N, C-alpha and C. Protein backbone atom coordinates (compact mmCIF):
# COMPACT_ATOMS: atom_id res chain seq x y z
N MET A 1 -1.82 39.41 13.42
CA MET A 1 -2.43 40.17 12.52
C MET A 1 -3.80 41.53 12.69
N GLN A 2 -3.58 42.11 12.35
CA GLN A 2 -5.03 42.73 12.32
C GLN A 2 -6.28 42.31 11.84
N LYS A 3 -7.36 41.99 11.89
CA LYS A 3 -8.91 41.25 11.64
C LYS A 3 -9.26 42.45 11.17
N VAL A 4 -10.08 42.10 9.86
CA VAL A 4 -10.76 42.79 9.52
C VAL A 4 -11.94 42.02 9.09
N GLY A 5 -13.38 42.42 9.23
CA GLY A 5 -14.41 41.96 8.49
C GLY A 5 -15.11 41.87 7.13
N VAL A 6 -15.12 40.92 6.68
CA VAL A 6 -15.64 40.12 5.30
C VAL A 6 -17.08 39.86 4.71
N SER A 7 -17.83 40.27 4.29
CA SER A 7 -18.83 39.46 4.07
C SER A 7 -18.93 38.83 2.67
N PHE A 8 -19.65 38.03 2.44
CA PHE A 8 -19.87 37.19 1.17
C PHE A 8 -21.23 36.23 1.42
N ARG A 9 -22.13 36.16 0.50
CA ARG A 9 -23.23 35.56 0.00
C ARG A 9 -22.56 33.81 -0.23
N ALA A 10 -23.15 32.93 0.29
CA ALA A 10 -23.06 31.81 0.47
C ALA A 10 -24.26 30.81 0.26
N THR A 11 -24.67 29.64 -0.35
CA THR A 11 -25.67 29.23 0.05
C THR A 11 -26.13 28.62 1.01
N SER A 12 -27.47 28.07 0.71
CA SER A 12 -27.79 27.42 2.41
C SER A 12 -27.26 26.37 2.43
N LYS A 13 -26.99 24.92 1.50
CA LYS A 13 -26.01 23.63 1.64
C LYS A 13 -24.95 23.98 2.38
N MET A 14 -24.22 25.04 1.33
CA MET A 14 -23.15 25.30 1.79
C MET A 14 -23.05 25.85 3.58
N VAL A 15 -23.84 26.44 3.82
CA VAL A 15 -23.18 27.06 5.37
C VAL A 15 -23.72 25.89 5.95
N LYS A 16 -24.87 25.43 5.76
CA LYS A 16 -25.33 24.13 6.32
C LYS A 16 -24.01 23.16 6.45
N GLN A 17 -23.77 22.57 5.10
CA GLN A 17 -21.96 21.95 5.36
C GLN A 17 -20.79 22.22 6.44
N LEU A 18 -20.61 23.56 6.17
CA LEU A 18 -20.15 24.68 7.34
C LEU A 18 -20.00 24.73 8.36
N ASP A 19 -21.57 24.53 9.16
CA ASP A 19 -22.10 24.27 10.16
C ASP A 19 -21.89 22.77 10.73
N ALA A 20 -22.53 21.76 10.01
CA ALA A 20 -22.07 20.54 10.51
C ALA A 20 -20.33 20.77 10.90
N LEU A 21 -19.60 20.60 10.09
CA LEU A 21 -18.35 20.72 10.23
C LEU A 21 -17.82 21.18 11.08
N ALA A 22 -18.41 22.09 10.92
CA ALA A 22 -17.62 22.95 12.53
C ALA A 22 -17.60 22.78 13.90
N LYS A 23 -19.20 22.34 14.01
CA LYS A 23 -20.27 20.92 15.40
C LYS A 23 -19.24 19.89 15.32
N ARG A 24 -19.01 19.60 14.19
CA ARG A 24 -17.73 18.04 14.20
C ARG A 24 -16.69 18.24 15.09
N GLN A 25 -16.15 19.71 14.92
CA GLN A 25 -14.62 19.67 15.04
C GLN A 25 -14.95 20.36 16.57
N ARG A 26 -15.80 21.06 16.80
CA ARG A 26 -15.73 21.93 18.16
C ARG A 26 -14.79 22.95 17.57
N ARG A 27 -15.18 23.64 16.06
CA ARG A 27 -14.58 25.05 15.68
C ARG A 27 -15.49 25.86 14.90
N PRO A 28 -15.20 26.73 15.52
CA PRO A 28 -16.52 27.95 15.47
C PRO A 28 -15.87 27.88 13.24
N ARG A 29 -17.26 28.40 13.46
CA ARG A 29 -17.78 28.11 11.20
C ARG A 29 -16.66 29.42 10.81
N THR A 30 -16.39 30.76 11.17
CA THR A 30 -15.07 31.46 11.01
C THR A 30 -13.44 31.36 10.86
N GLN A 31 -13.62 30.57 11.51
CA GLN A 31 -12.25 29.71 12.24
C GLN A 31 -12.05 29.09 10.39
N LEU A 32 -12.93 27.64 10.20
CA LEU A 32 -13.11 26.86 9.08
C LEU A 32 -12.87 27.73 8.03
N ILE A 33 -13.64 29.02 7.93
CA ILE A 33 -13.50 30.07 6.88
C ILE A 33 -12.08 30.76 6.47
N ASP A 34 -11.54 30.87 7.80
CA ASP A 34 -10.15 31.96 7.48
C ASP A 34 -9.56 29.98 6.66
N GLU A 35 -9.11 29.27 7.48
CA GLU A 35 -8.57 27.87 6.91
C GLU A 35 -8.73 28.07 5.84
N ALA A 36 -9.80 28.05 4.49
CA ALA A 36 -10.07 27.32 3.73
C ALA A 36 -9.48 28.76 3.04
N LEU A 37 -9.54 29.58 3.26
CA LEU A 37 -9.42 31.12 2.23
C LEU A 37 -8.06 31.23 2.26
N GLU A 38 -7.18 31.11 3.57
CA GLU A 38 -6.13 30.87 3.36
C GLU A 38 -5.38 30.04 2.49
N ASN A 39 -5.47 27.98 1.84
CA ASN A 39 -5.84 27.59 1.45
C ASN A 39 -5.40 27.96 0.22
N TYR A 40 -6.84 28.31 -0.15
CA TYR A 40 -7.11 28.71 -1.43
C TYR A 40 -6.02 30.62 -2.03
N LEU A 41 -6.13 31.05 -0.59
CA LEU A 41 -4.71 31.91 -1.76
C LEU A 41 -3.62 31.68 -1.64
N GLU A 42 -2.97 30.44 -0.75
CA GLU A 42 -1.69 29.92 -0.58
C GLU A 42 -1.58 29.11 -2.00
N ILE A 43 -2.80 28.59 -2.55
CA ILE A 43 -2.80 28.09 -4.34
C ILE A 43 -2.30 28.15 -4.75
N GLN A 44 -3.60 29.44 -5.11
CA GLN A 44 -3.33 31.06 -6.09
C GLN A 44 -2.29 31.97 -6.43
N ARG A 45 -0.94 31.73 -5.08
CA ARG A 45 0.08 32.48 -5.40
C ARG A 45 1.01 31.22 -5.56
N TRP A 46 1.26 30.03 -5.42
CA TRP A 46 1.95 28.61 -5.95
C TRP A 46 1.63 29.00 -8.04
N GLN A 47 0.46 28.57 -7.64
CA GLN A 47 0.26 28.58 -9.28
C GLN A 47 0.48 30.39 -10.05
N MET A 48 -0.08 31.54 -9.61
CA MET A 48 0.70 32.38 -9.75
C MET A 48 2.39 32.39 -10.18
N ARG A 49 3.04 31.94 -9.05
CA ARG A 49 4.46 32.30 -9.13
C ARG A 49 5.27 30.87 -10.72
N GLU A 50 4.67 29.87 -10.15
CA GLU A 50 4.45 28.70 -11.32
C GLU A 50 4.33 29.04 -12.51
N ILE A 51 3.33 29.97 -13.02
CA ILE A 51 3.06 30.45 -14.72
C ILE A 51 4.15 31.53 -14.86
N GLU A 52 4.19 32.28 -13.93
CA GLU A 52 5.36 33.43 -13.91
C GLU A 52 6.52 33.28 -14.76
N ASN A 53 6.84 31.60 -13.87
CA ASN A 53 8.74 30.62 -13.18
C ASN A 53 8.38 30.54 -15.19
N SER A 54 7.03 30.17 -15.68
CA SER A 54 7.46 28.58 -16.79
C SER A 54 7.13 29.72 -18.15
N LEU A 55 6.40 31.47 -17.75
CA LEU A 55 6.67 32.55 -18.67
C LEU A 55 7.93 32.63 -19.29
N ARG A 56 8.45 32.99 -18.51
CA ARG A 56 10.10 33.97 -18.11
C ARG A 56 11.12 32.32 -18.99
N GLU A 57 10.89 31.38 -18.78
CA GLU A 57 11.64 30.33 -19.56
C GLU A 57 11.12 29.82 -20.19
N ALA A 58 9.60 29.88 -21.06
CA ALA A 58 9.63 30.43 -22.77
C ALA A 58 10.01 32.13 -23.55
N ASP A 59 9.73 32.73 -22.19
CA ASP A 59 10.88 33.55 -23.27
C ASP A 59 12.33 33.93 -23.00
N ALA A 60 13.29 32.64 -22.50
CA ALA A 60 14.05 32.22 -22.39
C ALA A 60 14.22 31.37 -23.33
N ALA A 61 13.68 30.79 -24.12
CA ALA A 61 13.03 29.65 -25.16
C ALA A 61 13.90 28.56 -24.41
N ASP A 62 13.79 28.04 -23.18
CA ASP A 62 14.16 27.36 -22.61
C ASP A 62 13.42 25.83 -21.38
N PHE A 63 14.06 25.13 -23.28
CA PHE A 63 12.59 23.95 -23.75
C PHE A 63 13.85 22.86 -23.26
N ALA A 64 12.79 21.61 -23.41
CA ALA A 64 13.20 20.88 -23.38
C ALA A 64 13.75 20.06 -25.08
N THR A 65 14.69 19.24 -24.21
CA THR A 65 14.38 18.68 -26.52
C THR A 65 13.48 18.04 -26.81
N GLU A 66 13.43 17.89 -27.80
CA GLU A 66 12.71 16.11 -28.61
C GLU A 66 12.80 15.06 -27.41
N GLU A 67 15.08 14.92 -27.89
CA GLU A 67 15.62 13.66 -27.09
C GLU A 67 14.63 13.52 -25.85
N GLN A 68 15.21 14.25 -24.80
CA GLN A 68 14.55 14.53 -23.57
C GLN A 68 12.81 14.17 -23.62
N VAL A 69 11.81 14.51 -23.87
CA VAL A 69 10.76 14.40 -24.22
C VAL A 69 10.08 13.25 -23.95
N ARG A 70 11.29 12.56 -24.85
CA ARG A 70 10.93 11.33 -25.78
C ARG A 70 11.16 10.34 -24.69
N ARG A 71 12.68 10.97 -24.08
CA ARG A 71 12.69 9.86 -22.84
C ARG A 71 12.03 10.02 -21.55
N VAL A 72 11.30 11.06 -21.37
CA VAL A 72 10.61 10.74 -20.18
C VAL A 72 9.09 10.21 -20.95
N TYR A 73 8.82 10.60 -21.78
CA TYR A 73 7.90 9.83 -22.09
C TYR A 73 8.01 8.16 -22.50
N GLU A 74 8.35 7.72 -22.71
CA GLU A 74 8.80 6.35 -22.83
C GLU A 74 9.03 5.71 -21.45
N ARG A 75 9.73 6.99 -20.62
CA ARG A 75 10.13 5.85 -19.06
C ARG A 75 8.38 6.13 -17.97
N LEU A 76 7.73 6.77 -18.59
CA LEU A 76 5.95 7.31 -17.90
C LEU A 76 5.35 6.50 -18.34
N THR A 77 5.78 5.63 -19.97
CA THR A 77 4.87 5.34 -20.58
C THR A 77 4.96 3.51 -20.56
N ARG A 78 5.64 2.84 -20.04
CA ARG A 78 6.19 1.29 -20.14
C ARG A 78 5.17 0.89 -18.96
């Protein structure tokens, strides 16, 4: 996939931490930023899918019964 340049501002503390980590891992700063951004985006994609699925279930009135909730609660609080 073609890469394009992006710039952003970070605190000097974050850049120092990033550079220290890059040095310890013997990897370029940009590689760490790329991995961090990809991880963040994946988490956000997952979260949005879960929210959308939950909204569809709610719209369809697909809820657990009181009895189902009670059983799970009892099992988890024993």
